[in-house]
Amino acid sequence: MDIERFNKQIEFIVEIDKMKQILRNTILMDASRKENSAEHTWHMAVGAMVFSEYANESNLDMLKVFKMILLHDIVEIDAGDTFAYGNVNLRSTGSVTKC
C-alpha cells in the first residue's frame, strides 16, 4: 500500500467534511433553515439518480454524472457559496479573481 497516497486521501476526506459548514443562500423546503453545501450535493446526486431515466442519452455515464455532482461545489470550502440569483457583480467587487 502507498501510505503517502492513503494519507492524502484521508486528508481530502477530512477537508471535504467542511462542506457541512458552508451555508448556502437556499432555504430548506420546510423553511426551517438554510441548506448546507453537503446537503445540496447529496440532494443533487439523488435527483440525478431518480431522474436519469428521462435523460435524452440512452448511454448516459452515471458514474461521470455522480463524480461531477460530488465535486462541483468543493470550491465553496474556500470561496463560500455564490447565490445564483443575486444582483451583485462579483467581478466588480473584487470577490472573484483570475487563476
N, C-alpha and C. Protein backbone atom coordinates (compact mmCIF):
# COMPACT_ATOMS: atom_id res chain seq x y z
N MET A 1 0.85 -1.19 0.00
CA MET A 1 0.00 0.00 0.00
C MET A 1 0.89 1.25 0.00
N ASP A 2 0.50 2.22 -0.79
CA ASP A 2 1.19 3.50 -0.84
C ASP A 2 0.66 4.37 0.30
N ILE A 3 1.39 4.40 1.40
CA ILE A 3 0.91 5.09 2.60
C ILE A 3 0.79 6.60 2.39
N GLU A 4 1.67 7.17 1.57
CA GLU A 4 1.59 8.61 1.29
C GLU A 4 0.29 8.94 0.56
N ARG A 5 -0.05 8.14 -0.44
CA ARG A 5 -1.30 8.34 -1.18
C ARG A 5 -2.50 8.17 -0.24
N PHE A 6 -2.45 7.13 0.59
CA PHE A 6 -3.53 6.86 1.53
C PHE A 6 -3.72 8.05 2.47
N ASN A 7 -2.64 8.59 3.00
CA ASN A 7 -2.73 9.74 3.91
C ASN A 7 -3.32 10.96 3.21
N LYS A 8 -2.96 11.18 1.95
CA LYS A 8 -3.52 12.31 1.19
C LYS A 8 -5.02 12.10 0.96
N GLN A 9 -5.43 10.86 0.74
CA GLN A 9 -6.85 10.57 0.57
C GLN A 9 -7.61 10.85 1.86
N ILE A 10 -7.03 10.47 2.99
CA ILE A 10 -7.66 10.76 4.29
C ILE A 10 -7.76 12.27 4.49
N GLU A 11 -6.69 13.00 4.17
CA GLU A 11 -6.72 14.47 4.28
C GLU A 11 -7.83 15.06 3.42
N PHE A 12 -8.02 14.53 2.22
CA PHE A 12 -9.07 15.01 1.32
C PHE A 12 -10.44 14.78 1.94
N ILE A 13 -10.66 13.59 2.49
CA ILE A 13 -11.96 13.27 3.11
C ILE A 13 -12.22 14.21 4.29
N VAL A 14 -11.20 14.47 5.09
CA VAL A 14 -11.35 15.39 6.22
C VAL A 14 -11.66 16.80 5.71
N GLU A 15 -10.97 17.23 4.65
CA GLU A 15 -11.18 18.57 4.08
C GLU A 15 -12.61 18.74 3.56
N ILE A 16 -13.11 17.76 2.82
CA ILE A 16 -14.45 17.94 2.24
C ILE A 16 -15.55 17.85 3.28
N ASP A 17 -15.22 17.37 4.48
CA ASP A 17 -16.21 17.38 5.56
C ASP A 17 -16.63 18.82 5.89
N LYS A 18 -15.77 19.78 5.53
CA LYS A 18 -16.08 21.19 5.77
C LYS A 18 -17.27 21.67 4.95
N MET A 19 -17.67 20.91 3.94
CA MET A 19 -18.84 21.31 3.14
C MET A 19 -20.10 21.37 4.00
N LYS A 20 -20.11 20.63 5.10
CA LYS A 20 -21.25 20.66 6.01
C LYS A 20 -21.40 22.02 6.69
N GLN A 21 -20.31 22.79 6.73
CA GLN A 21 -20.31 24.08 7.41
C GLN A 21 -20.64 25.25 6.48
N ILE A 22 -20.68 25.00 5.18
CA ILE A 22 -20.94 26.07 4.21
C ILE A 22 -22.44 26.23 4.03
N LEU A 23 -22.97 27.32 4.54
CA LEU A 23 -24.41 27.57 4.38
C LEU A 23 -24.66 28.23 3.04
N ARG A 24 -25.59 27.67 2.32
CA ARG A 24 -25.98 28.21 1.01
C ARG A 24 -27.05 29.28 1.22
N ASN A 25 -27.35 30.00 0.17
CA ASN A 25 -28.39 31.02 0.22
C ASN A 25 -29.76 30.44 -0.12
N THR A 26 -29.87 29.14 -0.02
CA THR A 26 -31.12 28.44 -0.33
C THR A 26 -31.74 27.93 0.96
N ILE A 27 -33.00 28.22 1.15
CA ILE A 27 -33.73 27.78 2.34
C ILE A 27 -34.29 26.38 2.08
N LEU A 28 -34.30 25.54 3.12
CA LEU A 28 -34.91 24.22 3.01
C LEU A 28 -36.39 24.35 2.67
N MET A 29 -36.95 23.29 2.11
CA MET A 29 -38.36 23.34 1.71
C MET A 29 -39.30 23.61 2.87
N ASP A 30 -38.90 23.19 4.09
CA ASP A 30 -39.76 23.47 5.25
C ASP A 30 -39.48 24.85 5.85
N ALA A 31 -38.59 25.61 5.21
CA ALA A 31 -38.24 26.98 5.60
C ALA A 31 -37.63 27.09 7.00
N SER A 32 -37.09 25.98 7.52
CA SER A 32 -36.56 25.99 8.88
C SER A 32 -35.15 26.57 8.98
N ARG A 33 -34.38 26.49 7.89
CA ARG A 33 -33.00 26.98 7.92
C ARG A 33 -32.43 26.95 6.52
N LYS A 34 -31.20 27.43 6.40
CA LYS A 34 -30.50 27.37 5.12
C LYS A 34 -29.91 25.97 4.93
N GLU A 35 -29.83 25.57 3.68
CA GLU A 35 -29.22 24.30 3.31
C GLU A 35 -27.70 24.46 3.33
N ASN A 36 -26.98 23.38 3.70
CA ASN A 36 -25.52 23.45 3.59
C ASN A 36 -25.08 22.78 2.29
N SER A 37 -23.83 23.00 1.92
CA SER A 37 -23.33 22.51 0.63
C SER A 37 -23.34 20.98 0.54
N ALA A 38 -23.08 20.30 1.65
CA ALA A 38 -23.10 18.84 1.63
C ALA A 38 -24.52 18.32 1.36
N GLU A 39 -25.51 18.94 1.98
CA GLU A 39 -26.90 18.55 1.73
C GLU A 39 -27.29 18.81 0.28
N HIS A 40 -26.87 19.94 -0.25
CA HIS A 40 -27.15 20.29 -1.64
C HIS A 40 -26.58 19.23 -2.58
N THR A 41 -25.33 18.85 -2.34
CA THR A 41 -24.67 17.85 -3.18
C THR A 41 -25.38 16.51 -3.10
N TRP A 42 -25.74 16.09 -1.90
CA TRP A 42 -26.45 14.82 -1.72
C TRP A 42 -27.78 14.85 -2.46
N HIS A 43 -28.50 15.96 -2.33
CA HIS A 43 -29.82 16.07 -2.96
C HIS A 43 -29.70 16.03 -4.48
N MET A 44 -28.67 16.69 -5.01
CA MET A 44 -28.44 16.66 -6.46
C MET A 44 -28.15 15.24 -6.94
N ALA A 45 -27.32 14.51 -6.19
CA ALA A 45 -26.96 13.15 -6.59
C ALA A 45 -28.19 12.24 -6.59
N VAL A 46 -29.01 12.36 -5.57
CA VAL A 46 -30.24 11.55 -5.52
C VAL A 46 -31.17 11.95 -6.66
N GLY A 47 -31.29 13.24 -6.92
CA GLY A 47 -32.12 13.71 -8.03
C GLY A 47 -31.64 13.17 -9.37
N ALA A 48 -30.33 13.17 -9.57
CA ALA A 48 -29.77 12.64 -10.82
C ALA A 48 -30.11 11.16 -10.97
N MET A 49 -30.03 10.42 -9.88
CA MET A 49 -30.35 9.00 -9.92
C MET A 49 -31.83 8.79 -10.24
N VAL A 50 -32.69 9.52 -9.56
CA VAL A 50 -34.14 9.36 -9.74
C VAL A 50 -34.58 9.74 -11.15
N PHE A 51 -34.04 10.85 -11.67
CA PHE A 51 -34.50 11.36 -12.95
C PHE A 51 -33.66 10.92 -14.15
N SER A 52 -32.69 10.05 -13.94
CA SER A 52 -31.81 9.62 -15.04
C SER A 52 -32.58 8.95 -16.17
N GLU A 53 -33.70 8.34 -15.86
CA GLU A 53 -34.48 7.67 -16.90
C GLU A 53 -35.04 8.65 -17.94
N TYR A 54 -35.06 9.94 -17.61
CA TYR A 54 -35.59 10.94 -18.53
C TYR A 54 -34.50 11.60 -19.38
N ALA A 55 -33.28 11.18 -19.22
CA ALA A 55 -32.17 11.77 -19.99
C ALA A 55 -32.33 11.45 -21.47
N ASN A 56 -31.92 12.39 -22.30
CA ASN A 56 -32.01 12.20 -23.75
C ASN A 56 -31.00 11.19 -24.27
N GLU A 57 -29.95 10.94 -23.50
CA GLU A 57 -28.93 9.99 -23.91
C GLU A 57 -29.23 8.62 -23.32
N SER A 58 -29.27 7.61 -24.16
CA SER A 58 -29.53 6.26 -23.66
C SER A 58 -28.30 5.66 -22.99
N ASN A 59 -27.13 6.17 -23.34
CA ASN A 59 -25.89 5.64 -22.76
C ASN A 59 -25.26 6.63 -21.78
N LEU A 60 -26.08 7.32 -21.02
CA LEU A 60 -25.60 8.31 -20.06
C LEU A 60 -24.65 7.66 -19.06
N ASP A 61 -23.49 8.24 -18.88
CA ASP A 61 -22.48 7.73 -17.96
C ASP A 61 -22.79 8.28 -16.56
N MET A 62 -23.56 7.52 -15.79
CA MET A 62 -23.99 7.99 -14.48
C MET A 62 -22.82 8.13 -13.51
N LEU A 63 -21.78 7.32 -13.66
CA LEU A 63 -20.61 7.48 -12.79
C LEU A 63 -20.00 8.87 -13.00
N LYS A 64 -19.91 9.29 -14.26
CA LYS A 64 -19.39 10.62 -14.56
C LYS A 64 -20.31 11.71 -13.99
N VAL A 65 -21.61 11.51 -14.14
CA VAL A 65 -22.58 12.47 -13.59
C VAL A 65 -22.39 12.59 -12.08
N PHE A 66 -22.30 11.45 -11.39
CA PHE A 66 -22.13 11.48 -9.94
C PHE A 66 -20.82 12.15 -9.53
N LYS A 67 -19.75 11.87 -10.25
CA LYS A 67 -18.46 12.50 -9.94
C LYS A 67 -18.55 14.01 -10.10
N MET A 68 -19.18 14.46 -11.18
CA MET A 68 -19.31 15.90 -11.41
C MET A 68 -20.14 16.56 -10.30
N ILE A 69 -21.22 15.90 -9.92
CA ILE A 69 -22.08 16.43 -8.86
C ILE A 69 -21.32 16.49 -7.54
N LEU A 70 -20.63 15.40 -7.21
CA LEU A 70 -19.94 15.34 -5.92
C LEU A 70 -18.80 16.35 -5.80
N LEU A 71 -18.22 16.73 -6.92
CA LEU A 71 -17.06 17.63 -6.88
C LEU A 71 -17.39 19.08 -7.19
N HIS A 72 -18.56 19.37 -7.73
CA HIS A 72 -18.82 20.70 -8.28
C HIS A 72 -18.79 21.84 -7.26
N ASP A 73 -19.04 21.60 -6.01
CA ASP A 73 -19.09 22.68 -5.03
C ASP A 73 -17.97 22.63 -4.00
N ILE A 74 -16.98 21.77 -4.20
CA ILE A 74 -15.87 21.70 -3.24
C ILE A 74 -15.17 23.05 -3.11
N VAL A 75 -15.15 23.81 -4.17
CA VAL A 75 -14.53 25.14 -4.14
C VAL A 75 -15.17 26.04 -3.08
N GLU A 76 -16.40 25.77 -2.72
CA GLU A 76 -17.09 26.59 -1.72
C GLU A 76 -16.45 26.50 -0.34
N ILE A 77 -15.65 25.47 -0.10
CA ILE A 77 -14.93 25.37 1.18
C ILE A 77 -14.06 26.61 1.37
N ASP A 78 -13.43 27.05 0.30
CA ASP A 78 -12.56 28.22 0.37
C ASP A 78 -13.25 29.50 -0.09
N ALA A 79 -14.18 29.39 -1.04
CA ALA A 79 -14.77 30.58 -1.65
C ALA A 79 -16.14 30.95 -1.08
N GLY A 80 -16.79 30.04 -0.38
CA GLY A 80 -18.14 30.29 0.08
C GLY A 80 -19.14 30.08 -1.05
N ASP A 81 -20.41 30.19 -0.73
CA ASP A 81 -21.47 29.99 -1.72
C ASP A 81 -21.70 31.28 -2.49
N THR A 82 -21.92 31.16 -3.78
CA THR A 82 -22.30 32.30 -4.62
C THR A 82 -23.76 32.12 -4.98
N PHE A 83 -24.58 33.08 -4.61
CA PHE A 83 -26.01 32.99 -4.87
C PHE A 83 -26.27 33.23 -6.35
N ALA A 84 -26.81 32.24 -7.01
CA ALA A 84 -27.01 32.28 -8.47
C ALA A 84 -28.00 33.36 -8.90
N TYR A 85 -28.88 33.76 -8.01
CA TYR A 85 -29.93 34.70 -8.39
C TYR A 85 -29.70 36.11 -7.83
N GLY A 86 -28.51 36.35 -7.31
CA GLY A 86 -28.21 37.65 -6.73
C GLY A 86 -27.94 38.71 -7.79
N ASN A 87 -27.99 39.95 -7.39
CA ASN A 87 -27.76 41.07 -8.29
C ASN A 87 -26.34 41.62 -8.22
N VAL A 88 -25.51 41.07 -7.34
CA VAL A 88 -24.17 41.58 -7.15
C VAL A 88 -23.24 41.03 -8.23
N ASN A 89 -22.49 41.92 -8.85
CA ASN A 89 -21.48 41.52 -9.83
C ASN A 89 -20.20 41.26 -9.05
N LEU A 90 -19.84 39.98 -8.84
CA LEU A 90 -18.69 39.64 -8.02
C LEU A 90 -17.39 40.16 -8.61
N ARG A 91 -17.30 40.22 -9.91
CA ARG A 91 -16.07 40.73 -10.53
C ARG A 91 -15.83 42.19 -10.16
N SER A 92 -16.89 42.98 -10.09
CA SER A 92 -16.73 44.40 -9.77
C SER A 92 -16.39 44.62 -8.30
N THR A 93 -16.70 43.65 -7.44
CA THR A 93 -16.40 43.80 -6.02
C THR A 93 -15.01 43.29 -5.68
N GLY A 94 -14.35 42.64 -6.65
CA GLY A 94 -13.04 42.06 -6.39
C GLY A 94 -13.12 40.72 -5.71
N SER A 95 -14.32 40.16 -5.60
CA SER A 95 -14.50 38.87 -4.93
C SER A 95 -14.09 37.70 -5.79
N VAL A 96 -14.03 37.90 -7.09
CA VAL A 96 -13.63 36.83 -8.00
C VAL A 96 -12.29 37.22 -8.60
N THR A 97 -11.35 36.31 -8.53
CA THR A 97 -10.03 36.58 -9.11
C THR A 97 -9.74 35.57 -10.20
N LYS A 98 -8.88 35.97 -11.11
CA LYS A 98 -8.50 35.09 -12.21
C LYS A 98 -7.38 34.18 -11.75
N CYS A 99 -7.46 32.91 -12.10
CA CYS A 99 -6.41 31.96 -11.74
C CYS A 99 -5.26 32.06 -12.70
